[in-house]
């Protein structure tokens, strides 16, 4: 039992790899589903959530509570799915949101520029020079978005366990290779890694529920105990009481503690922006 995240560039055929891989393994294939879950749970119109998650950070800040609020919703929805295991996720920011979970195989699918240019020319009926410009601009914008929102470069190979280039390798080659790699012991769910993802999912849900009133709050969780690590507002009795009330309304939370987090080896430590 494992989780696979696939980061894919435009015209990389990463979506096709994800869908075929999920079918071969009997896993659930997820992408837009996470946006729909977040939209439903937190009562945010999907179009507003999509725009907030894809626009640059400077635009995000025009929304109430900016990027913190909207990305925390997506983070929570993805981690809830991750607790069930056996998924292939090829949507937004999987390599960021699930990077600390041991049984996640993190993959990046790319394709060579010339192949992408030909595909862009064919689909859009445009000349080569225009197609190349559009693709380079798209690559730059995606890269800048990751740096602005997460403080990480999506092209950094250290974010992934494997980077595959579709070209010499076919889609079938990639599916066959990944289906073998994910069977390795390193990517098998253990009781400890399952506990970690469950703790992270609980912490993420608390962060998301606090995002409107207390954006930027840092949270950890361990077996139903939620640790409030840092607050954006002044720490006083009124704010602590309100945070406690909101956190205890989340299913699975049995206690709230306002203290530095215990060892991260024992908890799910969650803040989508702790690297910014």
Protein backbone atom coordinates (compact mmCIF):
# COMPACT_ATOMS: atom_id res chain seq x y z
CA UNK A 1 0.00 0.00 0.00
CA UNK A 2 1.48 3.31 -1.08
CA UNK A 3 0.83 6.80 -2.39
CA UNK A 4 2.25 8.20 -5.62
CA UNK A 5 2.39 11.90 -6.48
CA UNK A 6 3.11 12.96 -10.04
CA UNK A 7 4.21 16.48 -10.88
CA UNK A 8 3.82 17.11 -14.60
CA UNK A 9 4.60 19.89 -17.01
CA UNK A 10 2.47 20.84 -19.99
CA UNK A 11 2.48 18.26 -22.81
CA UNK A 12 4.53 15.84 -20.74
CA UNK A 13 1.83 13.12 -20.90
CA UNK A 14 2.00 12.98 -17.11
CA UNK A 15 -1.79 12.77 -16.82
CA UNK A 16 -1.78 9.72 -19.07
CA UNK A 17 1.00 8.12 -17.01
CA UNK A 18 -0.95 8.78 -13.80
CA UNK A 19 -4.20 7.33 -15.11
CA UNK A 20 -2.61 4.22 -16.59
CA UNK A 21 -0.49 3.65 -13.49
CA UNK A 22 -3.50 3.91 -11.20
CA UNK A 23 -5.39 1.45 -13.39
CA UNK A 24 -2.51 -1.03 -13.40
CA UNK A 25 -2.09 -0.87 -9.61
CA UNK A 26 -5.80 -0.73 -8.80
CA UNK A 27 -5.27 2.64 -7.08
CA UNK A 28 -7.57 5.64 -7.05
CA UNK A 29 -6.44 8.38 -9.46
CA UNK A 30 -6.96 11.90 -8.14
CA UNK A 31 -6.48 15.41 -9.46
CA UNK A 32 -9.43 17.81 -9.69
CA UNK A 33 -11.23 15.63 -7.13
CA UNK A 34 -9.20 17.27 -4.34
CA UNK A 35 -10.35 20.73 -5.42
CA UNK A 36 -13.96 19.52 -5.38
CA UNK A 37 -13.54 18.01 -1.91
CA UNK A 38 -12.02 21.24 -0.59
CA UNK A 39 -14.74 23.30 -2.27
CA UNK A 40 -17.49 21.19 -0.72
CA UNK A 41 -16.03 20.90 2.78
CA UNK A 42 -15.15 24.57 3.20
CA UNK A 43 -18.04 25.99 1.16
CA UNK A 44 -15.84 27.81 -1.37
CA UNK A 45 -16.97 27.99 -5.03
CA UNK A 46 -14.63 25.82 -7.07
CA UNK A 47 -13.84 28.57 -9.57
CA UNK A 48 -12.78 30.90 -6.75
CA UNK A 49 -10.60 28.21 -5.23
CA UNK A 50 -8.98 27.41 -8.59
CA UNK A 51 -8.24 31.06 -9.25
CA UNK A 52 -6.83 31.59 -5.78
CA UNK A 53 -4.56 28.56 -6.05
CA UNK A 54 -3.23 29.34 -9.51
CA UNK A 55 -2.82 33.11 -9.41
CA UNK A 56 0.50 34.60 -8.30
CA UNK A 57 1.01 35.29 -4.60
CA UNK A 58 0.51 39.02 -5.12
CA UNK A 59 -2.98 38.34 -6.45
CA UNK A 60 -3.72 35.79 -3.73
CA UNK A 61 -3.26 38.50 -1.13
CA UNK A 62 -6.25 40.38 -2.55
CA UNK A 63 -8.48 37.59 -1.27
CA UNK A 64 -9.55 37.49 2.37
CA UNK A 65 -6.58 36.01 4.27
CA UNK A 66 -4.77 35.39 0.97
CA UNK A 67 -2.88 32.25 0.12
CA UNK A 68 -2.87 30.84 3.65
CA UNK A 69 -6.59 30.27 3.72
CA UNK A 70 -7.10 28.76 0.29
CA UNK A 71 -4.06 26.52 0.18
CA UNK A 72 -4.80 25.22 3.67
CA UNK A 73 -8.15 23.97 2.31
CA UNK A 74 -6.48 22.04 -0.50
CA UNK A 75 -3.77 20.75 1.86
CA UNK A 76 -6.39 19.42 4.25
CA UNK A 77 -8.46 17.76 1.49
CA UNK A 78 -5.40 15.98 0.05
CA UNK A 79 -4.19 14.73 3.42
CA UNK A 80 -7.65 13.36 4.22
CA UNK A 81 -7.42 11.30 1.01
CA UNK A 82 -3.86 10.26 1.85
CA UNK A 83 -5.02 8.59 5.06
CA UNK A 84 -6.78 5.98 2.91
CA UNK A 85 -3.63 5.06 0.94
CA UNK A 86 -3.48 3.50 -2.54
CA UNK A 87 -3.78 6.72 -4.54
CA UNK A 88 -2.04 8.31 -7.51
CA UNK A 89 -2.30 12.09 -7.27
CA UNK A 90 -1.35 14.24 -10.26
CA UNK A 91 -2.90 17.50 -9.14
CA UNK A 92 -1.55 20.69 -7.65
CA UNK A 93 1.37 20.66 -5.20
CA UNK A 94 1.41 16.99 -4.19
CA UNK A 95 5.20 17.02 -3.91
CA UNK A 96 4.93 19.88 -1.39
CA UNK A 97 1.96 18.75 0.67
CA UNK A 98 3.05 15.11 1.09
CA UNK A 99 6.82 15.54 1.11
CA UNK A 100 7.32 14.44 4.74
CA UNK A 101 5.40 11.15 4.46
CA UNK A 102 7.78 8.18 4.00
CA UNK A 103 5.47 5.93 1.96
CA UNK A 104 4.93 8.51 -0.79
CA UNK A 105 6.72 7.93 -4.10
CA UNK A 106 7.27 11.43 -5.52
CA UNK A 107 7.63 11.53 -9.31
CA UNK A 108 8.18 14.28 -11.85
CA UNK A 109 7.25 13.62 -15.49
CA UNK A 110 8.83 15.85 -18.12
CA UNK A 111 9.18 15.83 -21.91
CA UNK A 112 11.83 17.35 -24.16
CA UNK A 113 11.09 20.84 -25.47
CA UNK A 114 11.07 19.90 -29.16
CA UNK A 115 8.36 17.29 -28.62
CA UNK A 116 6.32 19.79 -26.62
CA UNK A 117 6.71 22.48 -29.28
CA UNK A 118 5.42 20.12 -31.97
CA UNK A 119 2.41 19.22 -29.82
CA UNK A 120 1.64 22.87 -29.04
CA UNK A 121 1.86 23.75 -32.74
CA UNK A 122 -0.50 20.92 -33.63
CA UNK A 123 -3.09 21.64 -30.94
CA UNK A 124 -3.15 25.42 -31.29
CA UNK A 125 -2.39 25.65 -35.02
CA UNK A 126 0.40 28.20 -34.42
CA UNK A 127 3.93 28.63 -35.80
CA UNK A 128 6.97 27.13 -34.09
CA UNK A 129 8.31 30.40 -32.72
CA UNK A 130 4.99 31.24 -31.06
CA UNK A 131 4.62 27.75 -29.62
CA UNK A 132 8.12 27.84 -28.13
CA UNK A 133 7.51 31.26 -26.58
CA UNK A 134 4.23 30.12 -24.99
CA UNK A 135 5.80 26.98 -23.52
CA UNK A 136 8.81 28.83 -22.11
CA UNK A 137 6.51 31.45 -20.58
CA UNK A 138 4.32 28.74 -19.06
CA UNK A 139 7.36 26.96 -17.59
CA UNK A 140 8.65 30.21 -16.09
CA UNK A 141 5.28 31.08 -14.55
CA UNK A 142 4.84 27.63 -13.00
CA UNK A 143 8.34 27.79 -11.56
CA UNK A 144 7.82 31.29 -10.13
CA UNK A 145 4.49 30.23 -8.64
CA UNK A 146 6.12 27.42 -6.66
CA UNK A 147 8.83 29.76 -5.41
CA UNK A 148 6.35 32.48 -4.40
CA UNK A 149 3.82 30.22 -2.71
CA UNK A 150 5.99 27.46 -1.21
CA UNK A 151 9.52 28.84 -1.35
CA UNK A 152 10.51 25.81 -3.44
CA UNK A 153 11.56 25.33 -7.05
CA UNK A 154 9.38 22.71 -8.77
CA UNK A 155 12.34 21.94 -11.06
CA UNK A 156 14.54 20.99 -8.10
CA UNK A 157 15.11 17.25 -8.49
CA UNK A 158 15.59 16.91 -4.73
CA UNK A 159 11.82 17.23 -4.33
CA UNK A 160 11.33 13.92 -6.13
CA UNK A 161 12.38 10.32 -5.83
CA UNK A 162 12.34 9.89 -9.61
CA UNK A 163 12.34 12.21 -12.64
CA UNK A 164 11.29 10.58 -15.94
CA UNK A 165 11.47 12.12 -19.41
CA UNK A 166 8.83 10.93 -21.86
CA UNK A 167 10.54 10.73 -25.20
CA UNK A 168 13.04 7.92 -25.26
CA UNK A 169 10.86 6.39 -22.55
CA UNK A 170 7.28 5.80 -23.63
CA UNK A 171 4.21 6.18 -21.42
CA UNK A 172 4.05 2.38 -21.15
CA UNK A 173 7.72 2.28 -20.11
CA UNK A 174 7.07 4.85 -17.38
CA UNK A 175 4.02 2.99 -16.09
CA UNK A 176 5.87 -0.33 -16.01
CA UNK A 177 8.89 1.20 -14.26
CA UNK A 178 6.88 3.07 -11.63
CA UNK A 179 4.65 0.09 -10.90
CA UNK A 180 7.78 -1.88 -10.01
CA UNK A 181 9.46 0.87 -7.99
CA UNK A 182 6.40 1.51 -5.80
CA UNK A 183 6.54 -2.13 -4.66
CA UNK A 184 9.91 -1.51 -2.99
CA UNK A 185 9.92 -1.71 0.83
CA UNK A 186 10.86 1.98 1.08
CA UNK A 187 7.42 2.98 -0.21
CA UNK A 188 5.28 0.53 1.73
CA UNK A 189 3.01 1.93 4.40
CA UNK A 190 4.07 1.02 7.92
CA UNK A 191 2.13 1.54 11.16
CA UNK A 192 4.48 4.43 11.96
CA UNK A 193 4.08 6.16 8.58
CA UNK A 194 0.31 5.66 8.68
CA UNK A 195 0.21 7.26 12.11
CA UNK A 196 2.25 10.17 10.76
CA UNK A 197 -0.11 10.83 7.86
CA UNK A 198 -3.14 10.60 10.17
CA UNK A 199 -1.56 13.10 12.56
CA UNK A 200 -0.71 15.42 9.66
CA UNK A 201 -4.24 15.12 8.30
CA UNK A 202 -5.72 16.07 11.66
CA UNK A 203 -3.36 19.03 12.04
CA UNK A 204 -4.11 20.18 8.49
CA UNK A 205 -7.83 20.09 9.14
CA UNK A 206 -7.40 22.21 12.25
CA UNK A 207 -5.24 24.69 10.30
CA UNK A 208 -7.92 24.91 7.61
CA UNK A 209 -10.69 25.48 10.15
CA UNK A 210 -8.63 28.20 11.84
CA UNK A 211 -7.62 29.88 8.58
CA UNK A 212 -10.44 32.45 8.43
CA UNK A 213 -10.15 33.71 12.01
CA UNK A 214 -6.51 32.85 12.75
CA UNK A 215 -4.57 32.68 9.46
CA UNK A 216 -0.97 31.50 9.63
CA UNK A 217 -1.42 29.46 12.81
CA UNK A 218 1.13 26.64 13.11
CA UNK A 219 -0.26 23.36 14.34
CA UNK A 220 0.95 19.86 15.18
CA UNK A 221 -1.06 16.82 16.22
CA UNK A 222 -0.40 13.56 18.02
CA UNK A 223 -3.07 10.94 18.57
CA UNK A 224 -5.90 13.44 19.00
CA UNK A 225 -3.90 16.05 20.92
CA UNK A 226 -3.46 19.29 18.96
CA UNK A 227 -0.48 21.51 19.71
CA UNK A 228 -0.72 25.20 18.85
CA UNK A 229 2.89 26.08 18.03
CA UNK A 230 2.54 29.68 16.90
CA UNK A 231 -0.27 32.22 16.50
CA UNK A 232 -0.45 35.24 14.21
CA UNK A 233 -2.50 37.16 16.81
CA UNK A 234 -1.46 38.07 20.31
CA UNK A 235 -1.69 35.19 22.73
CA UNK A 236 -4.35 35.99 25.27
CA UNK A 237 -7.20 34.24 27.02
CA UNK A 238 -9.82 35.29 24.50
CA UNK A 239 -7.88 34.11 21.46
CA UNK A 240 -6.85 30.88 23.15
CA UNK A 241 -10.46 30.16 24.08
CA UNK A 242 -11.65 30.75 20.52
CA UNK A 243 -8.88 28.63 18.98
CA UNK A 244 -9.64 25.84 21.44
CA UNK A 245 -13.34 26.00 20.55
CA UNK A 246 -12.63 25.80 16.80
CA UNK A 247 -10.06 23.02 17.14
CA UNK A 248 -12.29 20.89 19.38
CA UNK A 249 -15.06 21.13 16.77
CA UNK A 250 -12.84 19.13 14.38
CA UNK A 251 -13.62 15.43 14.45
CA UNK A 252 -10.79 13.51 16.12
CA UNK A 253 -9.48 16.34 18.32
CA UNK A 254 -9.74 15.55 22.02
CA UNK A 255 -7.36 18.10 23.56
CA UNK A 256 -5.72 21.41 22.64
CA UNK A 257 -2.36 22.44 24.08
CA UNK A 258 -0.72 25.87 23.69
CA UNK A 259 2.92 24.83 23.83
CA UNK A 260 5.88 24.26 21.54
CA UNK A 261 5.39 21.09 19.53
CA UNK A 262 6.81 17.79 20.73
CA UNK A 263 9.30 15.98 18.53
CA UNK A 264 8.21 16.02 14.89
CA UNK A 265 9.12 12.34 14.76
CA UNK A 266 6.11 11.82 17.02
CA UNK A 267 3.67 14.27 15.46
CA UNK A 268 2.12 15.55 12.29
CA UNK A 269 3.54 19.05 11.99
CA UNK A 270 1.56 21.16 9.56
CA UNK A 271 1.87 24.65 8.17
CA UNK A 272 1.71 25.01 4.38
CA UNK A 273 3.98 28.06 4.58
CA UNK A 274 6.57 27.09 7.17
CA UNK A 275 9.30 27.26 4.51
CA UNK A 276 8.47 30.82 3.39
